[in-house]
Amino acid sequence: KLGERACIRNREIGFIFQAFNLIGDLTVFENVELPLTYRGMPGAERKSRVLEALEKVGMAHRIKHYPSQLSGGQQQRVAVARALAGRPLILLADEPTGNLDSQNGEAVMTLLEQLHQEGATICMVTHDPRYAQFADRTIHLFDGRVVEETVHQAAMN
């Protein structure tokens, strides 16, 4: 049985890992579904959420594929779908666009922006200044130290 902290993590926090962390023996559908299964979500709702999330990232046509059959960018989009399917209150995203072309990167950032507008808090690490501009607040690190912090005007309103 999951401990209290693990339950909170599973219910309220979503993760997009830089290295994807997809399970090689599971299909795309099963990888996105797994956290929802641990949550105890009924099957019909799980299926609906998984398909909706995969549709949003343009991967619904790959539900029966395994991670090894996907490109790095496709694996990245599956990892994003896995996080979105849980509808997290907090999303921790480590380079969520790092393996994506510009079109898919923009699409993922639009999805994250929508999630934020729905009330989620998003903490994202990126090296891409185009995507940092989506943030209400940016913190620049150099050699592990904060060298600059900016609160953008929209965040102050």
Protein backbone atom coordinates (compact mmCIF):
# COMPACT_ATOMS: atom_id res chain seq x y z
CA LYS A 1 0.00 0.00 0.00
CA LEU A 2 1.26 3.48 -0.86
CA GLY A 3 2.31 5.72 2.01
CA GLU A 4 0.63 9.08 2.59
CA ARG A 5 3.38 11.09 0.87
CA ALA A 6 3.40 8.75 -2.12
CA CYS A 7 -0.39 9.13 -2.43
CA ILE A 8 -0.12 12.92 -2.36
CA ARG A 9 2.68 12.80 -4.93
CA ASN A 10 0.62 10.55 -7.17
CA ARG A 11 -2.62 12.56 -6.85
CA GLU A 12 -1.34 16.13 -6.88
CA ILE A 13 2.09 16.28 -8.52
CA GLY A 14 2.95 15.56 -12.13
CA PHE A 15 6.45 14.96 -13.44
CA ILE A 16 7.99 15.40 -16.88
CA PHE A 17 11.46 13.89 -16.72
CA GLN A 18 14.27 14.92 -19.06
CA ALA A 19 15.07 11.23 -19.59
CA PHE A 20 11.36 10.36 -20.08
CA ASN A 21 11.40 7.40 -17.63
CA LEU A 22 9.06 5.35 -19.78
CA ILE A 23 8.84 1.64 -19.00
CA GLY A 24 10.16 -0.33 -21.97
CA ASP A 25 7.89 -3.35 -21.49
CA LEU A 26 4.73 -1.21 -21.48
CA THR A 27 2.99 0.28 -24.50
CA VAL A 28 2.50 4.01 -24.91
CA PHE A 29 -1.06 3.63 -23.59
CA GLU A 30 0.09 1.59 -20.58
CA ASN A 31 2.89 4.05 -19.74
CA VAL A 32 0.44 6.95 -19.61
CA GLU A 33 -2.14 4.85 -17.74
CA LEU A 34 0.16 3.49 -15.01
CA PRO A 35 0.10 6.46 -12.58
CA LEU A 36 -3.69 6.59 -12.90
CA THR A 37 -3.89 2.88 -12.07
CA TYR A 38 -1.85 3.45 -8.89
CA ARG A 39 -4.29 6.22 -8.06
CA GLY A 40 -7.13 3.69 -8.08
CA MET A 41 -8.98 5.44 -10.88
CA PRO A 42 -11.78 3.40 -12.53
CA GLY A 43 -10.92 1.85 -15.90
CA ALA A 44 -13.29 3.89 -18.07
CA GLU A 45 -12.04 7.19 -16.64
CA ARG A 46 -8.41 6.04 -17.02
CA LYS A 47 -8.96 5.15 -20.66
CA SER A 48 -10.66 8.47 -21.37
CA ARG A 49 -7.91 10.50 -19.72
CA VAL A 50 -5.12 8.55 -21.40
CA LEU A 51 -6.64 8.94 -24.86
CA GLU A 52 -7.35 12.64 -24.27
CA ALA A 53 -3.77 13.31 -23.12
CA LEU A 54 -2.24 11.36 -26.01
CA GLU A 55 -4.49 13.20 -28.46
CA LYS A 56 -3.33 16.54 -27.04
CA VAL A 57 0.32 15.69 -27.72
CA GLY A 58 -0.36 14.11 -31.11
CA MET A 59 0.47 10.55 -30.06
CA ALA A 60 -2.95 8.84 -29.99
CA HIS A 61 -2.05 6.94 -33.16
CA ARG A 62 0.86 5.26 -31.34
CA ILE A 63 -0.99 3.75 -28.35
CA LYS A 64 0.13 0.18 -29.13
CA HIS A 65 3.78 1.05 -29.73
CA TYR A 66 6.57 0.50 -27.22
CA PRO A 67 9.09 3.20 -26.24
CA SER A 68 11.85 1.52 -28.27
CA GLN A 69 9.71 1.99 -31.38
CA LEU A 70 9.51 5.76 -30.88
CA SER A 71 11.88 8.63 -31.60
CA GLY A 72 13.20 10.72 -28.72
CA GLY A 73 10.71 13.47 -29.51
CA GLN A 74 7.83 11.00 -29.53
CA GLN A 75 8.96 9.56 -26.19
CA GLN A 76 9.08 13.11 -24.83
CA ARG A 77 5.49 13.71 -25.90
CA VAL A 78 4.38 10.46 -24.24
CA ALA A 79 6.08 11.63 -21.02
CA VAL A 80 4.18 14.93 -21.29
CA ALA A 81 0.91 13.05 -21.86
CA ARG A 82 1.58 10.91 -18.77
CA ALA A 83 1.93 14.07 -16.67
CA LEU A 84 -1.13 15.77 -18.21
CA ALA A 85 -3.39 12.73 -17.79
CA GLY A 86 -3.15 13.07 -14.01
CA ARG A 87 -4.34 16.70 -14.12
CA PRO A 88 -1.78 17.69 -11.47
CA LEU A 89 -2.02 20.68 -9.16
CA ILE A 90 1.78 20.97 -9.35
CA LEU A 91 3.86 20.03 -12.38
CA LEU A 92 7.63 19.62 -12.18
CA ALA A 93 9.05 19.69 -15.70
CA ASP A 94 12.73 19.08 -16.47
CA GLU A 95 13.43 20.26 -20.03
CA PRO A 96 9.96 19.23 -21.28
CA THR A 97 10.77 20.48 -24.79
CA GLY A 98 14.42 19.40 -24.92
CA ASN A 99 13.90 16.63 -27.49
CA LEU A 100 11.19 18.31 -29.53
CA ASP A 101 11.26 20.22 -32.79
CA SER A 102 10.06 23.82 -32.63
CA GLN A 103 6.47 23.03 -33.69
CA ASN A 104 5.99 20.31 -31.05
CA GLY A 105 7.86 22.41 -28.48
CA GLU A 106 5.42 25.27 -28.99
CA ALA A 107 2.48 22.86 -28.78
CA VAL A 108 3.72 21.43 -25.47
CA MET A 109 4.28 24.92 -24.06
CA THR A 110 0.73 25.84 -25.06
CA LEU A 111 -0.56 22.78 -23.18
CA LEU A 112 1.47 23.73 -20.11
CA GLU A 113 0.18 27.29 -20.34
CA GLN A 114 -3.42 25.97 -20.44
CA LEU A 115 -2.72 23.79 -17.40
CA HIS A 116 -1.40 26.86 -15.58
CA GLN A 117 -4.48 28.89 -16.55
CA GLU A 118 -6.59 26.10 -15.03
CA GLY A 119 -4.81 26.71 -11.72
CA ALA A 120 -1.78 24.41 -11.76
CA THR A 121 1.61 25.56 -10.53
CA ILE A 122 4.38 24.70 -12.97
CA CYS A 123 8.04 24.59 -12.09
CA MET A 124 10.03 24.12 -15.28
CA VAL A 125 13.73 23.89 -16.02
CA THR A 126 14.75 25.02 -19.50
CA HIS A 127 17.79 26.29 -21.35
CA ASP A 128 15.60 27.76 -24.08
CA PRO A 129 14.84 31.47 -23.58
CA ARG A 130 11.79 31.23 -25.89
CA TYR A 131 10.11 28.91 -23.40
CA ALA A 132 11.30 30.76 -20.31
CA GLN A 133 9.22 33.71 -21.55
CA PHE A 134 6.06 31.69 -20.81
CA ALA A 135 6.83 31.91 -17.09
CA ASP A 136 5.40 34.37 -14.56
CA ARG A 137 8.75 34.25 -12.82
CA THR A 138 12.21 33.22 -13.99
CA ILE A 139 15.21 32.35 -11.90
CA HIS A 140 18.58 32.18 -13.66
CA LEU A 141 21.23 29.89 -12.21
CA PHE A 142 24.94 29.84 -12.93
CA ASP A 143 27.18 27.20 -11.37
CA GLY A 144 24.39 26.29 -8.96
CA ARG A 145 23.82 29.84 -7.71
CA VAL A 146 20.93 32.23 -8.33
CA VAL A 147 22.30 35.11 -10.40
CA GLU A 148 19.04 36.75 -11.48
CA GLU A 149 15.36 36.58 -10.64
CA THR A 150 12.62 38.24 -12.65
CA VAL A 151 8.92 38.54 -11.90
CA HIS A 152 7.11 39.33 -15.11
CA GLN A 153 4.47 42.06 -15.22
CA ALA A 154 1.57 39.66 -15.90
CA ALA A 155 2.33 37.84 -12.65
CA MET A 156 1.97 41.06 -10.64
CA ASN A 157 -1.57 41.81 -11.84
